[in-house]
PDB file of N, CA and C in Angstrom:
ATOM      1  N   MET A   1     -14.420  48.050   6.573  1.00  0.00           N
ATOM      2  CA  MET A   1     -13.811  47.582   5.308  1.00  0.00           C
ATOM      3  C   MET A   1     -12.520  46.702   5.410  1.00  0.00           C
ATOM      4  N   PRO A   2     -12.525  45.163   5.017  1.00  0.00           N
ATOM      5  CA  PRO A   2     -11.461  44.211   5.262  1.00  0.00           C
ATOM      6  C   PRO A   2     -10.336  44.608   4.344  1.00  0.00           C
ATOM      7  N   GLU A   3      -8.961  44.333   4.573  1.00  0.00           N
ATOM      8  CA  GLU A   3      -8.366  44.684   3.758  1.00  0.00           C
ATOM      9  C   GLU A   3      -8.033  43.401   2.789  1.00  0.00           C
ATOM     10  N   GLU A   4      -6.942  43.927   1.465  1.00  0.00           N
ATOM     11  CA  GLU A   4      -6.665  42.825   0.632  1.00  0.00           C
ATOM     12  C   GLU A   4      -5.332  42.638   0.816  1.00  0.00           C
ATOM     13  N   SER A   5      -5.472  41.047   1.236  1.00  0.00           N
ATOM     14  CA  SER A   5      -3.979  40.570   1.292  1.00  0.00           C
ATOM     15  C   SER A   5      -3.211  40.090   0.124  1.00  0.00           C
ATOM     16  N   GLY A   6      -3.851  40.249  -1.242  1.00  0.00           N
ATOM     17  CA  GLY A   6      -3.149  40.145  -2.043  1.00  0.00           C
ATOM     18  C   GLY A   6      -3.187  38.418  -2.603  1.00  0.00           C
ATOM     19  N   SER A   7      -4.093  37.615  -1.277  1.00  0.00           N
ATOM     20  CA  SER A   7      -3.520  36.481  -2.009  1.00  0.00           C
ATOM     21  C   SER A   7      -4.888  36.076  -2.763  1.00  0.00           C
ATOM     22  N   PRO A   8      -5.184  34.780  -3.257  1.00  0.00           N
ATOM     23  CA  PRO A   8      -6.345  34.782  -4.158  1.00  0.00           C
ATOM     24  C   PRO A   8      -6.978  34.050  -3.088  1.00  0.00           C
ATOM     25  N   GLU A   9      -8.476  34.073  -3.465  1.00  0.00           N
ATOM     26  CA  GLU A   9     -10.031  33.570  -2.213  1.00  0.00           C
ATOM     27  C   GLU A   9      -9.951  31.999  -2.673  1.00  0.00           C
ATOM     28  N   TYR A  10      -9.969  30.953  -1.785  1.00  0.00           N
ATOM     29  CA  TYR A  10     -10.225  29.723  -1.974  1.00  0.00           C
ATOM     30  C   TYR A  10     -11.693  29.229  -1.475  1.00  0.00           C
ATOM     31  N   ASP A  11     -11.498  28.464  -2.344  1.00  0.00           N
ATOM     32  CA  ASP A  11     -13.399  27.750  -2.017  1.00  0.00           C
ATOM     33  C   ASP A  11     -13.292  27.224  -0.512  1.00  0.00           C
ATOM     34  N   ALA A  12     -14.689  27.634  -0.056  1.00  0.00           N
ATOM     35  CA  ALA A  12     -14.291  27.183   1.357  1.00  0.00           C
ATOM     36  C   ALA A  12     -15.137  25.737   1.681  1.00  0.00           C
ATOM     37  N   ALA A  13     -15.678  25.146   0.148  1.00  0.00           N
ATOM     38  CA  ALA A  13     -16.362  23.756   0.528  1.00  0.00           C
ATOM     39  C   ALA A  13     -15.372  22.825   1.294  1.00  0.00           C
ATOM     40  N   PRO A  14     -15.960  21.792   1.751  1.00  0.00           N
ATOM     41  CA  PRO A  14     -15.079  20.858   2.538  1.00  0.00           C
ATOM     42  C   PRO A  14     -14.537  20.069   1.491  1.00  0.00           C
ATOM     43  N   LEU A  15     -13.550  19.505   1.610  1.00  0.00           N
ATOM     44  CA  LEU A  15     -12.807  18.463   0.836  1.00  0.00           C
ATOM     45  C   LEU A  15     -13.335  17.029   0.997  1.00  0.00           C
ATOM     46  N   ASP A  16     -13.628  16.141   0.039  1.00  0.00           N
ATOM     47  CA  ASP A  16     -13.857  14.874   0.449  1.00  0.00           C
ATOM     48  C   ASP A  16     -12.330  14.045   0.639  1.00  0.00           C
ATOM     49  N   PRO A  17     -12.573  13.602   1.631  1.00  0.00           N
ATOM     50  CA  PRO A  17     -11.334  12.599   2.111  1.00  0.00           C
ATOM     51  C   PRO A  17     -10.913  11.708   1.160  1.00  0.00           C
ATOM     52  N   GLN A  18     -11.782  11.021   0.354  1.00  0.00           N
ATOM     53  CA  GLN A  18     -11.465  10.045  -0.260  1.00  0.00           C
ATOM     54  C   GLN A  18     -11.044  10.513  -1.811  1.00  0.00           C
ATOM     55  N   GLU A  19     -11.279  11.787  -2.100  1.00  0.00           N
ATOM     56  CA  GLU A  19     -11.310  12.322  -3.452  1.00  0.00           C
ATOM     57  C   GLU A  19      -9.492  12.057  -3.534  1.00  0.00           C
ATOM     58  N   GLY A  20      -9.485  11.896  -4.925  1.00  0.00           N
ATOM     59  CA  GLY A  20      -8.214  11.967  -4.912  1.00  0.00           C
ATOM     60  C   GLY A  20      -6.811  10.536  -4.744  1.00  0.00           C
ATOM     61  N   LEU A  21      -7.397  10.197  -3.629  1.00  0.00           N
ATOM     62  CA  LEU A  21      -6.693   9.218  -3.275  1.00  0.00           C
ATOM     63  C   LEU A  21      -6.499   7.448  -3.932  1.00  0.00           C
ATOM     64  N   GLY A  22      -7.503   7.794  -5.058  1.00  0.00           N
ATOM     65  CA  GLY A  22      -7.471   6.233  -5.529  1.00  0.00           C
ATOM     66  C   GLY A  22      -8.285   5.044  -5.173  1.00  0.00           C
ATOM     67  N   TYR A  23      -8.987   5.656  -3.827  1.00  0.00           N
ATOM     68  CA  TYR A  23      -9.903   4.468  -3.133  1.00  0.00           C
ATOM     69  C   TYR A  23     -11.028   4.210  -3.957  1.00  0.00           C
ATOM     70  N   VAL A  24     -11.297   2.994  -4.621  1.00  0.00           N
ATOM     71  CA  VAL A  24     -12.753   2.613  -4.781  1.00  0.00           C
ATOM     72  C   VAL A  24     -13.022   1.770  -3.897  1.00  0.00           C
ATOM     73  N   GLY A  25     -14.327   1.720  -3.361  1.00  0.00           N
ATOM     74  CA  GLY A  25     -14.868   0.812  -2.562  1.00  0.00           C
ATOM     75  C   GLY A  25     -14.225   0.762  -1.478  1.00  0.00           C
ATOM     76  N   GLU A  26     -14.505  -0.554  -0.902  1.00  0.00           N
ATOM     77  CA  GLU A  26     -13.774  -0.857   0.459  1.00  0.00           C
ATOM     78  C   GLU A  26     -12.366  -0.806   0.568  1.00  0.00           C
ATOM     79  N   ARG A  27     -12.024  -0.297   1.580  1.00  0.00           N
ATOM     80  CA  ARG A  27     -10.613   0.257   2.150  1.00  0.00           C
ATOM     81  C   ARG A  27      -9.857  -1.473   2.253  1.00  0.00           C
ATOM     82  N   PHE A  28      -8.552  -1.578   2.270  1.00  0.00           N
ATOM     83  CA  PHE A  28      -7.719  -3.034   2.474  1.00  0.00           C
ATOM     84  C   PHE A  28      -7.364  -3.191   3.960  1.00  0.00           C
ATOM     85  N   PRO A  29      -7.600  -4.527   4.299  1.00  0.00           N
ATOM     86  CA  PRO A  29      -7.593  -4.638   5.384  1.00  0.00           C
ATOM     87  C   PRO A  29      -6.270  -4.896   6.294  1.00  0.00           C
ATOM     88  N   SER A  30      -6.439  -4.449   7.293  1.00  0.00           N
ATOM     89  CA  SER A  30      -4.792  -4.689   7.994  1.00  0.00           C
ATOM     90  C   SER A  30      -4.348  -5.921   8.467  1.00  0.00           C
ATOM     91  N   MET A  31      -3.337  -6.242   8.576  1.00  0.00           N
ATOM     92  CA  MET A  31      -2.520  -7.333   9.030  1.00  0.00           C
ATOM     93  C   MET A  31      -1.004  -7.448   9.053  1.00  0.00           C
ATOM     94  N   ARG A  32      -0.871  -8.886   9.763  1.00  0.00           N
ATOM     95  CA  ARG A  32       0.577  -8.691  10.329  1.00  0.00           C
ATOM     96  C   ARG A  32       1.299  -9.373   8.865  1.00  0.00           C
ATOM     97  N   TRP A  33       2.718  -8.831   8.973  1.00  0.00           N
ATOM     98  CA  TRP A  33       3.743  -9.183   8.033  1.00  0.00           C
ATOM     99  C   TRP A  33       3.343 -10.783   7.483  1.00  0.00           C
ATOM    100  N   PRO A  34       3.542 -11.712   8.434  1.00  0.00           N
ATOM    101  CA  PRO A  34       3.799 -13.226   7.921  1.00  0.00           C
ATOM    102  C   PRO A  34       2.328 -13.078   7.323  1.00  0.00           C
ATOM    103  N   GLN A  35       0.897 -12.592   7.518  1.00  0.00           N
ATOM    104  CA  GLN A  35      -0.395 -12.726   6.235  1.00  0.00           C
ATOM    105  C   GLN A  35       0.122 -12.188   5.493  1.00  0.00           C
ATOM    106  N   LEU A  36       0.827 -10.806   4.930  1.00  0.00           N
ATOM    107  CA  LEU A  36       1.301 -10.499   4.112  1.00  0.00           C
ATOM    108  C   LEU A  36       2.280 -11.214   2.788  1.00  0.00           C
ATOM    109  N   GLU A  37       3.367 -11.938   3.935  1.00  0.00           N
ATOM    110  CA  GLU A  37       4.151 -12.792   3.306  1.00  0.00           C
ATOM    111  C   GLU A  37       3.676 -13.875   2.514  1.00  0.00           C
ATOM    112  N   ARG A  38       2.671 -14.658   3.188  1.00  0.00           N
ATOM    113  CA  ARG A  38       1.868 -15.656   2.486  1.00  0.00           C
ATOM    114  C   ARG A  38       1.324 -15.468   1.239  1.00  0.00           C
ATOM    115  N   ILE A  39       0.628 -14.043   1.570  1.00  0.00           N
ATOM    116  CA  ILE A  39      -0.369 -13.582   0.120  1.00  0.00           C
ATOM    117  C   ILE A  39       0.807 -13.315  -1.074  1.00  0.00           C
ATOM    118  N   LEU A  40       1.767 -12.816  -0.943  1.00  0.00           N
ATOM    119  CA  LEU A  40       3.271 -12.153  -2.014  1.00  0.00           C
ATOM    120  C   LEU A  40       3.588 -13.546  -2.195  1.00  0.00           C
ATOM    121  N   ALA A  41       3.972 -15.098  -1.472  1.00  0.00           N
ATOM    122  CA  ALA A  41       4.220 -16.067  -1.940  1.00  0.00           C
ATOM    123  C   ALA A  41       3.084 -16.654  -3.046  1.00  0.00           C
ATOM    124  N   ARG A  42       2.344 -16.622  -2.543  1.00  0.00           N
ATOM    125  CA  ARG A  42       0.799 -17.359  -3.398  1.00  0.00           C
ATOM    126  C   ARG A  42       0.734 -16.852  -4.822  1.00  0.00           C
ATOM    127  N   GLU A  43       0.253 -17.713  -5.702  1.00  0.00           N
ATOM    128  CA  GLU A  43       0.005 -17.452  -7.169  1.00  0.00           C
ATOM    129  C   GLU A  43      -1.080 -16.689  -7.226  1.00  0.00           C
ATOM    130  N   PRO A  44      -0.817 -15.551  -8.271  1.00  0.00           N
ATOM    131  CA  PRO A  44      -0.055 -15.321  -9.419  1.00  0.00           C
ATOM    132  C   PRO A  44       1.044 -14.625  -8.613  1.00  0.00           C
ATOM    133  N   LEU A  45       1.473 -14.126  -7.953  1.00  0.00           N
ATOM    134  CA  LEU A  45       2.959 -13.364  -7.367  1.00  0.00           C
ATOM    135  C   LEU A  45       4.239 -14.266  -7.200  1.00  0.00           C
ATOM    136  N   GLY A  46       4.179 -15.388  -6.473  1.00  0.00           N
ATOM    137  CA  GLY A  46       5.040 -16.110  -6.551  1.00  0.00           C
ATOM    138  C   GLY A  46       6.638 -15.457  -5.745  1.00  0.00           C
ATOM    139  N   TYR A  47       6.574 -14.495  -4.785  1.00  0.00           N
ATOM    140  CA  TYR A  47       7.487 -13.719  -4.583  1.00  0.00           C
ATOM    141  C   TYR A  47       8.015 -14.718  -3.282  1.00  0.00           C
ATOM    142  N   LYS A  48       9.660 -14.807  -3.319  1.00  0.00           N
ATOM    143  CA  LYS A  48      10.333 -15.895  -2.389  1.00  0.00           C
ATOM    144  C   LYS A  48      11.263 -14.627  -1.396  1.00  0.00           C
ATOM    145  N   VAL A  49      11.661 -14.666  -0.434  1.00  0.00           N
ATOM    146  CA  VAL A  49      12.283 -13.880   0.317  1.00  0.00           C
ATOM    147  C   VAL A  49      13.730 -14.679  -0.287  1.00  0.00           C
ATOM    148  N   THR A  50      14.600 -13.649  -0.618  1.00  0.00           N
ATOM    149  CA  THR A  50      16.208 -14.253  -1.269  1.00  0.00           C
ATOM    150  C   THR A  50      17.425 -13.433  -0.100  1.00  0.00           C
ATOM    151  N   ARG A  51      16.873 -12.769   0.574  1.00  0.00           N
ATOM    152  CA  ARG A  51      17.755 -12.178   1.825  1.00  0.00           C
ATOM    153  C   ARG A  51      16.936 -11.737   2.649  1.00  0.00           C
ATOM    154  N   GLN A  52      17.706 -11.780   4.044  1.00  0.00           N
ATOM    155  CA  GLN A  52      17.366 -10.947   5.088  1.00  0.00           C
ATOM    156  C   GLN A  52      18.074 -10.667   6.163  1.00  0.00           C
ATOM    157  N   ALA A  53      18.236  -9.781   6.927  1.00  0.00           N
ATOM    158  CA  ALA A  53      18.808  -9.055   7.635  1.00  0.00           C
ATOM    159  C   ALA A  53      18.103  -8.427   8.817  1.00  0.00           C
ATOM    160  N   GLY A  54      18.033  -9.059   9.924  1.00  0.00           N
ATOM    161  CA  GLY A  54      16.972  -8.696  10.477  1.00  0.00           C
ATOM    162  C   GLY A  54      15.457  -8.540  10.548  1.00  0.00           C
ATOM    163  N   SER A  55      14.639  -7.427  10.357  1.00  0.00           N
ATOM    164  CA  SER A  55      13.560  -7.461   9.907  1.00  0.00           C
ATOM    165  C   SER A  55      13.356  -7.258   8.312  1.00  0.00           C
ATOM    166  N   HIS A  56      14.364  -6.506   7.833  1.00  0.00           N
ATOM    167  CA  HIS A  56      14.845  -6.049   6.515  1.00  0.00           C
ATOM    168  C   HIS A  56      14.898  -7.408   5.336  1.00  0.00           C
ATOM    169  N   ARG A  57      14.070  -7.344   4.468  1.00  0.00           N
ATOM    170  CA  ARG A  57      13.759  -8.419   3.811  1.00  0.00           C
ATOM    171  C   ARG A  57      13.528  -8.265   2.181  1.00  0.00           C
ATOM    172  N   THR A  58      14.058  -8.753   1.153  1.00  0.00           N
ATOM    173  CA  THR A  58      14.498  -8.419  -0.211  1.00  0.00           C
ATOM    174  C   THR A  58      13.517  -9.417  -0.652  1.00  0.00           C
ATOM    175  N   LEU A  59      12.258  -9.840  -1.644  1.00  0.00           N
ATOM    176  CA  LEU A  59      11.950 -10.386  -2.094  1.00  0.00           C
ATOM    177  C   LEU A  59      11.556 -10.196  -3.361  1.00  0.00           C
ATOM    178  N   VAL A  60      11.940 -11.402  -4.364  1.00  0.00           N
ATOM    179  CA  VAL A  60      11.938 -11.638  -5.597  1.00  0.00           C
ATOM    180  C   VAL A  60      10.780 -12.729  -6.454  1.00  0.00           C
ATOM    181  N   ALA A  61      10.512 -12.238  -7.107  1.00  0.00           N
ATOM    182  CA  ALA A  61       9.420 -13.150  -7.994  1.00  0.00           C
ATOM    183  C   ALA A  61       9.732 -12.943  -9.340  1.00  0.00           C
ATOM    184  N   PRO A  62       9.815 -14.096 -10.505  1.00  0.00           N
ATOM    185  CA  PRO A  62       9.782 -14.071 -11.771  1.00  0.00           C
ATOM    186  C   PRO A  62       8.924 -12.834 -12.464  1.00  0.00           C
ATOM    187  N   ASN A  63       9.382 -12.123 -13.498  1.00  0.00           N
ATOM    188  CA  ASN A  63       8.748 -11.270 -14.126  1.00  0.00           C
ATOM    189  C   ASN A  63       7.834  -9.845 -13.132  1.00  0.00           C
ATOM    190  N   ARG A  64       8.411  -9.773 -11.940  1.00  0.00           N
ATOM    191  CA  ARG A  64       7.603  -8.813 -11.160  1.00  0.00           C
ATOM    192  C   ARG A  64       8.973  -7.759 -10.375  1.00  0.00           C
ATOM    193  N   PRO A  65       8.544  -6.834 -10.266  1.00  0.00           N
ATOM    194  CA  PRO A  65       9.862  -5.967  -9.359  1.00  0.00           C
ATOM    195  C   PRO A  65      10.198  -6.371  -8.189  1.00  0.00           C
ATOM    196  N   VAL A  66      11.519  -6.460  -7.717  1.00  0.00           N
ATOM    197  CA  VAL A  66      12.188  -6.708  -6.704  1.00  0.00           C
ATOM    198  C   VAL A  66      11.281  -5.868  -5.301  1.00  0.00           C
ATOM    199  N   LEU A  67      11.051  -6.379  -4.323  1.00  0.00           N
ATOM    200  CA  LEU A  67      10.803  -5.746  -3.362  1.00  0.00           C
ATOM    201  C   LEU A  67      11.221  -5.863  -2.287  1.00  0.00           C
ATOM    202  N   HIS A  68      11.891  -4.469  -1.117  1.00  0.00           N
ATOM    203  CA  HIS A  68      12.933  -4.309  -0.585  1.00  0.00           C
ATOM    204  C   HIS A  68      11.885  -3.797   0.977  1.00  0.00           C
ATOM    205  N   LEU A  69      11.370  -4.737   2.109  1.00  0.00           N
ATOM    206  CA  LEU A  69      10.625  -4.406   3.026  1.00  0.00           C
ATOM    207  C   LEU A  69      10.974  -4.453   4.318  1.00  0.00           C
ATOM    208  N   SER A  70      10.719  -3.706   5.385  1.00  0.00           N
ATOM    209  CA  SER A  70      11.303  -3.928   6.498  1.00  0.00           C
ATOM    210  C   SER A  70       9.840  -3.714   7.406  1.00  0.00           C
ATOM    211  N   PHE A  71       9.411  -4.718   8.029  1.00  0.00           N
ATOM    212  CA  PHE A  71       8.333  -5.308   8.929  1.00  0.00           C
ATOM    213  C   PHE A  71       8.731  -5.889  10.157  1.00  0.00           C
ATOM    214  N   HIS A  72       8.312  -5.841  11.487  1.00  0.00           N
ATOM    215  CA  HIS A  72       8.670  -6.800  12.377  1.00  0.00           C
ATOM    216  C   HIS A  72       7.630  -7.961  12.059  1.00  0.00           C
ATOM    217  N   ASP A  73       7.623  -9.142  12.545  1.00  0.00           N
ATOM    218  CA  ASP A  73       6.676 -10.358  12.213  1.00  0.00           C
ATOM    219  C   ASP A  73       5.471  -9.864  13.046  1.00  0.00           C
ATOM    220  N   ASN A  74       5.270  -9.338  14.362  1.00  0.00           N
ATOM    221  CA  ASN A  74       4.565  -9.003  14.799  1.00  0.00           C
ATOM    222  C   ASN A  74       3.771  -7.668  14.913  1.00  0.00           C
ATOM    223  N   GLN A  75       4.334  -6.755  13.976  1.00  0.00           N
ATOM    224  CA  GLN A  75       3.724  -5.467  13.760  1.00  0.00           C
ATOM    225  C   GLN A  75       2.838  -5.688  12.880  1.00  0.00           C
ATOM    226  N   GLU A  76       1.619  -4.772  12.974  1.00  0.00           N
ATOM    227  CA  GLU A  76       0.402  -4.823  12.435  1.00  0.00           C
ATOM    228  C   GLU A  76       0.506  -3.489  11.315  1.00  0.00           C
ATOM    229  N   LEU A  77       0.400  -4.233   9.686  1.00  0.00           N
ATOM    230  CA  LEU A  77       0.179  -3.222   8.868  1.00  0.00           C
ATOM    231  C   LEU A  77      -1.000  -2.637   8.294  1.00  0.00           C
ATOM    232  N   PRO A  78      -0.724  -1.028   8.624  1.00  0.00           N
ATOM    233  CA  PRO A  78      -2.482  -0.308   8.238  1.00  0.00           C
ATOM    234  C   PRO A  78      -2.452  -1.252   7.039  1.00  0.00           C
ATOM    235  N   GLY A  79      -4.029  -0.873   6.338  1.00  0.00           N
ATOM    236  CA  GLY A  79      -4.321  -1.265   4.948  1.00  0.00           C
ATOM    237  C   GLY A  79      -3.958  -0.471   3.952  1.00  0.00           C
ATOM    238  N   GLY A  80      -3.434   0.789   4.141  1.00  0.00           N
ATOM    239  CA  GLY A  80      -2.830   1.386   3.061  1.00  0.00           C
ATOM    240  C   GLY A  80      -1.475   1.008   3.044  1.00  0.00           C
ATOM    241  N   MET A  81      -0.890   0.616   3.897  1.00  0.00           N
ATOM    242  CA  MET A  81       0.505  -0.324   3.720  1.00  0.00           C
ATOM    243  C   MET A  81       0.389  -1.470   2.956  1.00  0.00           C
ATOM    244  N   VAL A  82      -0.732  -2.346   3.021  1.00  0.00           N
ATOM    245  CA  VAL A  82      -0.930  -3.588   2.465  1.00  0.00           C
ATOM    246  C   VAL A  82      -0.820  -3.260   1.156  1.00  0.00           C
ATOM    247  N   ARG A  83      -2.118  -2.268   0.809  1.00  0.00           N
ATOM    248  CA  ARG A  83      -2.553  -1.819  -0.689  1.00  0.00           C
ATOM    249  C   ARG A  83      -0.988  -1.380  -1.326  1.00  0.00           C
ATOM    250  N   LYS A  84      -0.127  -0.681  -0.747  1.00  0.00           N
ATOM    251  CA  LYS A  84       0.925   0.168  -1.297  1.00  0.00           C
ATOM    252  C   LYS A  84       1.908  -1.250  -1.523  1.00  0.00           C
ATOM    253  N   VAL A  85       2.201  -1.984  -0.403  1.00  0.00           N
ATOM    254  CA  VAL A  85       3.057  -2.976  -1.013  1.00  0.00           C
ATOM    255  C   VAL A  85       2.464  -4.427  -1.956  1.00  0.00           C
ATOM    256  N   LEU A  86       1.246  -4.420  -2.204  1.00  0.00           N
ATOM    257  CA  LEU A  86       0.315  -4.956  -3.581  1.00  0.00           C
ATOM    258  C   LEU A  86       0.634  -4.365  -4.553  1.00  0.00           C
ATOM    259  N   ARG A  87       0.639  -2.722  -4.745  1.00  0.00           N
ATOM    260  CA  ARG A  87       0.508  -1.858  -5.846  1.00  0.00           C
ATOM    261  C   ARG A  87       2.246  -2.059  -6.408  1.00  0.00           C
ATOM    262  N   ASP A  88       3.297  -1.925  -5.141  1.00  0.00           N
ATOM    263  CA  ASP A  88       4.609  -1.912  -5.724  1.00  0.00           C
ATOM    264  C   ASP A  88       4.832  -3.477  -6.294  1.00  0.00           C
ATOM    265  N   ALA A  89       3.915  -4.371  -6.136  1.00  0.00           N
ATOM    266  CA  ALA A  89       3.752  -5.897  -6.994  1.00  0.00           C
ATOM    267  C   ALA A  89       3.951  -5.874  -8.115  1.00  0.00           C
ATOM    268  N   GLY A  90       3.058  -4.742  -8.362  1.00  0.00           N
ATOM    269  CA  GLY A  90       2.555  -5.067 -10.094  1.00  0.00           C
ATOM    270  C   GLY A  90       1.108  -4.990 -10.043  1.00  0.00           C
ATOM    271  N   LEU A  91       0.251  -5.093  -8.893  1.00  0.00           N
ATOM    272  CA  LEU A  91      -1.042  -5.264  -8.920  1.00  0.00           C
ATOM    273  C   LEU A  91      -1.940  -4.138  -9.112  1.00  0.00           C
ATOM    274  N   SER A  92      -3.123  -4.118  -9.734  1.00  0.00           N
ATOM    275  CA  SER A  92      -3.979  -3.215  -9.944  1.00  0.00           C
ATOM    276  C   SER A  92      -4.822  -3.324  -8.275  1.00  0.00           C
ATOM    277  N   ASP A  93      -5.507  -2.371  -8.180  1.00  0.00           N
ATOM    278  CA  ASP A  93      -6.761  -2.240  -6.781  1.00  0.00           C
ATOM    279  C   ASP A  93      -7.164  -3.370  -6.761  1.00  0.00           C
ATOM    280  N   ASP A  94      -8.195  -3.508  -7.879  1.00  0.00           N
ATOM    281  CA  ASP A  94      -8.933  -4.620  -8.052  1.00  0.00           C
ATOM    282  C   ASP A  94      -8.518  -6.317  -7.879  1.00  0.00           C
ATOM    283  N   GLU A  95      -7.150  -6.476  -8.547  1.00  0.00           N
ATOM    284  CA  GLU A  95      -6.508  -7.977  -8.644  1.00  0.00           C
ATOM    285  C   GLU A  95      -5.674  -7.945  -7.059  1.00  0.00           C
ATOM    286  N   ALA A  96      -5.301  -6.520  -6.572  1.00  0.00           N
ATOM    287  CA  ALA A  96      -5.196  -7.158  -5.084  1.00  0.00           C
ATOM    288  C   ALA A  96      -6.032  -7.183  -4.012  1.00  0.00           C
ATOM    289  N   ARG A  97      -7.349  -6.959  -4.385  1.00  0.00           N
ATOM    290  CA  ARG A  97      -8.479  -7.121  -3.234  1.00  0.00           C
ATOM    291  C   ARG A  97      -8.917  -8.533  -3.403  1.00  0.00           C
ATOM    292  N   ARG A  98      -8.672  -9.414  -4.451  1.00  0.00           N
ATOM    293  CA  ARG A  98      -9.496 -10.347  -4.801  1.00  0.00           C
ATOM    294  C   ARG A  98      -8.007 -11.297  -3.965  1.00  0.00           C
ATOM    295  N   LEU A  99      -6.553 -10.840  -3.834  1.00  0.00           N
ATOM    296  CA  LEU A  99      -5.951 -11.957  -3.158  1.00  0.00           C
ATOM    297  C   LEU A  99      -6.234 -11.585  -1.393  1.00  0.00           C
ATOM    298  N   VAL A 100      -6.517 -10.487  -1.164  1.00  0.00           N
ATOM    299  CA  VAL A 100      -6.890 -10.599   0.220  1.00  0.00           C
ATOM    300  C   VAL A 100      -8.076 -10.606   1.109  1.00  0.00           C
TER     301      VAL A 100
END
């Protein structure tokens, strides 16, 4: 007879990797920093780099949160990071997908 460990039993059903992560539909594409910078500069966002020290940049736009980012120009940003930056800029996933 197996010993009782005192811990609750857990459901052994496999987890859905997409569940709870906020993904709906397609994932965001990966891109290099200059591509993302152009997206942030376009309307409706209008971000401009106001300060830069090496790869560290501060971007400001009217009526938007200030962004502090540090990416090297040739660095490939994964789709999840692209999504996070655009969400930090105040966009919903649907609005962000329309811009990329």
